Protein backbone atom coordinates (compact mmCIF):
# COMPACT_ATOMS: atom_id res chain seq x y z
CA MET A 1 -2.87 25.19 15.32
CA ASP A 2 -3.14 23.32 12.00
CA GLU A 3 -6.21 21.05 11.33
CA PRO A 4 -5.27 17.23 11.55
CA THR A 5 -5.32 15.50 8.34
CA THR A 6 -8.73 13.17 8.73
CA VAL A 7 -8.63 9.67 7.66
CA LEU A 8 -11.30 7.12 6.94
CA VAL A 9 -9.95 3.40 7.16
CA ALA A 10 -11.99 0.70 5.12
CA ASP A 11 -11.11 -3.12 5.40
CA ASP A 12 -13.32 -6.07 5.95
CA ASN A 13 -10.76 -7.39 8.95
CA SER A 14 -11.46 -5.71 12.14
CA VAL A 15 -7.97 -6.79 13.16
CA VAL A 16 -6.45 -4.92 10.07
CA ARG A 17 -8.53 -1.87 11.03
CA SER A 18 -7.47 -2.16 14.75
CA VAL A 19 -3.75 -2.09 13.99
CA LEU A 20 -4.15 0.67 11.29
CA ARG A 21 -5.70 2.84 14.10
CA GLU A 22 -3.11 2.05 16.58
CA MET A 23 -0.55 3.13 14.02
CA LEU A 24 -2.05 6.19 13.67
CA HIS A 25 -3.33 7.00 17.09
CA GLY A 26 -1.50 10.07 18.76
CA GLN A 27 0.91 10.28 15.68
CA GLY A 28 0.75 14.17 15.22
CA PRO A 29 -1.81 15.88 12.59
CA LEU A 30 -3.58 12.77 11.99
CA SER A 31 -6.94 11.84 12.95
CA VAL A 32 -8.89 8.44 12.33
CA VAL A 33 -12.54 9.79 11.76
CA GLY A 34 -14.36 6.58 10.51
CA GLU A 35 -14.20 3.11 9.81
CA ALA A 36 -15.82 0.91 7.54
CA GLY A 37 -16.02 -2.87 6.89
CA ASP A 38 -17.13 -2.95 3.22
CA GLY A 39 -17.06 -1.13 0.37
CA GLU A 40 -20.87 0.26 0.36
CA ARG A 41 -20.21 1.48 3.99
CA ALA A 42 -17.10 3.00 3.04
CA LEU A 43 -18.73 5.13 0.15
CA GLU A 44 -21.66 6.19 2.66
CA LEU A 45 -18.68 7.35 5.20
CA ALA A 46 -16.83 9.22 2.75
CA SER A 47 -19.71 11.14 1.25
CA THR A 48 -21.03 12.21 4.83
CA LEU A 49 -17.54 12.78 6.66
CA ARG A 50 -15.42 13.94 3.61
CA PRO A 51 -12.19 12.70 5.15
CA ASP A 52 -8.89 14.18 3.46
CA VAL A 53 -7.52 10.44 2.97
CA THR A 54 -9.41 7.14 2.83
CA LEU A 55 -7.67 4.05 3.31
CA LEU A 56 -9.17 1.49 1.06
CA ASP A 57 -8.95 -2.33 0.83
CA HIS A 58 -9.41 -4.11 -2.61
CA ARG A 59 -11.24 -7.40 -1.48
CA MET A 60 -14.40 -6.22 0.54
CA PRO A 61 -17.91 -7.55 0.87
CA ARG A 62 -20.98 -5.62 -0.68
CA ARG A 63 -18.73 -3.81 -3.01
CA ASP A 64 -15.04 -4.32 -3.52
CA GLY A 65 -12.61 -1.57 -3.35
CA LEU A 66 -11.87 -1.14 -7.11
CA SER A 67 -15.89 -0.53 -7.71
CA VAL A 68 -15.99 2.38 -5.30
CA ILE A 69 -12.58 4.17 -5.96
CA ALA A 70 -14.24 6.80 -8.61
CA SER A 71 -17.28 7.46 -6.34
CA ILE A 72 -15.20 8.04 -3.03
CA SER A 73 -12.62 10.11 -5.00
CA ALA A 74 -15.20 12.95 -5.30
CA HIS A 75 -15.18 13.34 -1.65
CA SER A 76 -11.72 12.16 -0.52
CA ARG A 77 -8.43 11.42 -1.84
CA VAL A 78 -8.18 7.46 -1.99
CA LEU A 79 -4.97 5.33 -0.85
CA MET A 80 -5.32 1.91 -1.54
CA LEU A 81 -3.99 -0.39 1.40
CA THR A 82 -4.18 -4.02 0.42
CA ARG A 83 -2.26 -7.31 -0.06
CA THR A 84 -3.29 -7.38 -3.74
CA VAL A 85 -0.35 -7.11 -6.07
CA ASP A 86 -1.88 -8.38 -9.20
CA GLU A 87 -0.89 -6.13 -12.13
CA ASP A 88 -4.43 -5.52 -13.56
CA VAL A 89 -5.69 -4.51 -9.90
CA VAL A 90 -2.91 -2.03 -9.31
CA LEU A 91 -3.40 -0.39 -12.76
CA ALA A 92 -7.24 -0.47 -12.53
CA ALA A 93 -7.06 1.27 -9.09
CA ILE A 94 -4.78 3.97 -10.46
CA ARG A 95 -6.95 4.50 -13.48
CA ALA A 96 -10.18 4.64 -11.16
CA GLY A 97 -8.60 7.62 -9.14
CA ALA A 98 -6.37 6.13 -6.45
CA ALA A 99 -3.71 8.60 -5.56
CA GLY A 100 -1.48 5.96 -3.82
CA TYR A 101 -1.18 2.11 -3.32
CA LEU A 102 0.40 0.34 -0.25
CA VAL A 103 0.82 -3.23 -0.23
CA HIS A 104 0.77 -4.70 3.29
CA GLY A 105 4.10 -6.14 4.30
CA GLN A 106 5.70 -3.37 2.27
CA PHE A 107 5.46 -0.48 4.54
CA GLY A 108 5.82 0.36 8.24
CA PRO A 109 3.91 3.20 10.60
CA ALA A 110 6.53 5.96 9.20
CA GLU A 111 5.95 5.36 5.55
CA LEU A 112 2.07 4.96 6.12
CA ARG A 113 1.82 8.35 7.77
CA GLN A 114 4.20 9.89 5.39
CA ALA A 115 1.95 8.42 2.56
CA ILE A 116 -1.27 9.74 4.02
CA GLN A 117 0.25 13.20 4.34
CA ALA A 118 1.50 13.02 0.77
CA VAL A 119 -1.79 11.74 -0.69
CA ALA A 120 -3.63 14.44 1.44
CA GLY A 121 -1.62 17.01 -0.06
CA GLY A 122 -2.10 16.22 -3.79
CA GLU A 123 0.83 13.92 -4.31
CA ALA A 124 1.18 9.99 -5.04
CA HIS A 125 2.67 7.24 -2.94
CA LEU A 126 3.41 3.80 -4.14
CA SER A 127 4.63 0.82 -2.47
CA PRO A 128 7.58 -0.53 -4.58
CA THR A 129 5.54 -3.55 -5.97
CA ALA A 130 3.07 -1.11 -7.32
CA ALA A 131 5.72 1.44 -8.60
CA ARG A 132 7.19 -1.37 -10.79
CA VAL A 133 3.88 -2.24 -12.09
CA LEU A 134 3.36 1.34 -13.42
CA VAL A 135 6.77 1.54 -14.75
CA SER A 136 6.36 -1.68 -16.47
CA SER A 137 3.13 -0.51 -18.11
CA VAL A 138 4.54 2.51 -19.30
CA ARG A 139 7.75 0.86 -20.82
CA ARG A 140 5.91 -1.85 -22.42
CA ALA A 141 5.78 -1.51 -26.13
CA PRO A 142 2.65 -1.31 -28.06
CA GLU A 143 1.26 -4.88 -29.13
CA PRO A 144 0.04 -5.84 -32.32
CA ARG A 145 -3.86 -5.21 -32.94
CA THR A 146 -4.42 -8.85 -33.17
CA ALA A 147 -3.32 -9.50 -29.71
CA ASP A 148 -6.38 -7.35 -28.45
CA ARG A 149 -8.88 -8.93 -30.98
CA HIS A 150 -10.63 -10.39 -28.18
CA GLY A 151 -10.72 -7.47 -25.83
CA LEU A 152 -8.36 -9.26 -23.52
CA SER A 153 -6.26 -7.20 -21.33
CA ARG A 154 -2.51 -8.10 -21.03
CA ARG A 155 -2.65 -10.18 -17.91
CA GLU A 156 -5.83 -12.16 -19.62
CA ARG A 157 -3.73 -12.98 -22.62
CA GLU A 158 -0.91 -14.19 -20.45
CA VAL A 159 -3.32 -16.56 -18.76
CA MET A 160 -4.89 -17.53 -21.79
CA GLU A 161 -1.60 -18.51 -23.33
CA LEU A 162 -0.84 -20.73 -20.24
CA ILE A 163 -4.19 -22.18 -20.59
CA ALA A 164 -3.52 -23.14 -23.97
CA GLY A 165 -0.11 -24.56 -22.82
CA GLY A 166 -2.18 -27.15 -20.52
CA LEU A 167 -1.61 -25.49 -17.18
CA SER A 168 -4.12 -25.92 -14.45
CA ASN A 169 -5.50 -23.09 -12.33
CA GLY A 170 -3.19 -23.98 -9.69
CA ALA A 171 -0.30 -24.35 -11.78
CA ILE A 172 -0.89 -20.77 -13.50
CA ALA A 173 -1.15 -19.19 -9.99
CA ASN A 174 2.09 -20.70 -9.02
CA ARG A 175 3.87 -19.49 -12.50
CA LEU A 176 2.25 -15.96 -12.16
CA VAL A 177 2.76 -15.92 -8.24
CA VAL A 178 -1.02 -14.80 -7.78
CA ALA A 179 -3.82 -16.51 -5.43
CA VAL A 180 -5.76 -19.32 -7.26
CA LYS A 181 -8.78 -17.24 -6.63
CA THR A 182 -7.52 -14.56 -8.76
CA VAL A 183 -6.68 -16.92 -11.60
CA GLU A 184 -10.16 -18.29 -11.55
CA ASN A 185 -11.45 -14.91 -12.11
CA HIS A 186 -9.00 -14.19 -14.85
CA VAL A 187 -10.26 -17.39 -16.55
CA ASN A 188 -13.81 -16.61 -16.03
CA ARG A 189 -13.33 -13.22 -17.75
CA VAL A 190 -11.34 -14.75 -20.73
CA PHE A 191 -14.18 -17.28 -21.28
CA ALA A 192 -16.93 -14.55 -21.25
CA LYS A 193 -14.69 -12.37 -23.61
CA LEU A 194 -14.04 -15.40 -26.05
CA GLY A 195 -17.58 -16.82 -25.68
CA ALA A 196 -16.06 -20.20 -24.58
CA ARG A 197 -17.29 -22.71 -22.27
CA THR A 198 -14.47 -24.99 -21.81
CA ARG A 199 -10.37 -24.78 -21.87
CA ASP A 200 -10.29 -26.64 -25.05
CA GLU A 201 -12.99 -24.47 -26.79
CA ALA A 202 -10.98 -21.20 -25.67
CA THR A 203 -7.81 -22.80 -26.89
CA ALA A 204 -9.46 -23.20 -30.28
CA ILE A 205 -10.65 -19.96 -30.48
CA TRP A 206 -7.56 -18.30 -29.13
CA ARG A 207 -5.16 -20.24 -31.30
CA GLY A 208 -7.08 -20.67 -34.61
CA PRO A 209 -7.11 -16.90 -35.80
CA ARG A 210 -3.44 -16.64 -35.27
CA ARG A 211 -2.63 -19.52 -37.80
CA ARG A 212 -4.72 -17.90 -40.40
CA ALA A 213 -3.25 -14.51 -39.82
């Protein structure tokens, strides 16, 4: 008899963990061998249990999902399972070593099981939104070097342009269809990279060199 594919479930929401466990219970060669409610515990269990696949959420306490992907990947294949569809997060997860990326609401029990088996077998599996992000990233033409002079990512440059256009964080969130908290995180990173303390100062730094170029 074939050995079951072992799975570690890592999500800070106990209800989500319970639902995932139910979705996988009694479904052929799949076995949930552990659960974690934060990134630090997920890494600990991955290193000791060495599951075939770790279902990993993005936003978790102690350590978030992105920060432990590379380390967990040394012991287990990582399948991101999250509500986050922000382009920077999707790309960062794949670059860090995630073998798959599923978005809540875009898969059912059958696809989850298929994704786990695919990832366990060395393949990749992406939700439609994550797949579009990757395709868009690959197809995007190289940008002028001046666009990267401050070290901003594509999404951070997009946020900075909207800041320069006078939009509030809430308005930016609506424009980009992301959470306000996500925008706040982008703004904090933008200000740090620009060395700015206010929106006006950031705009002056961002716009000034372009006019002189």
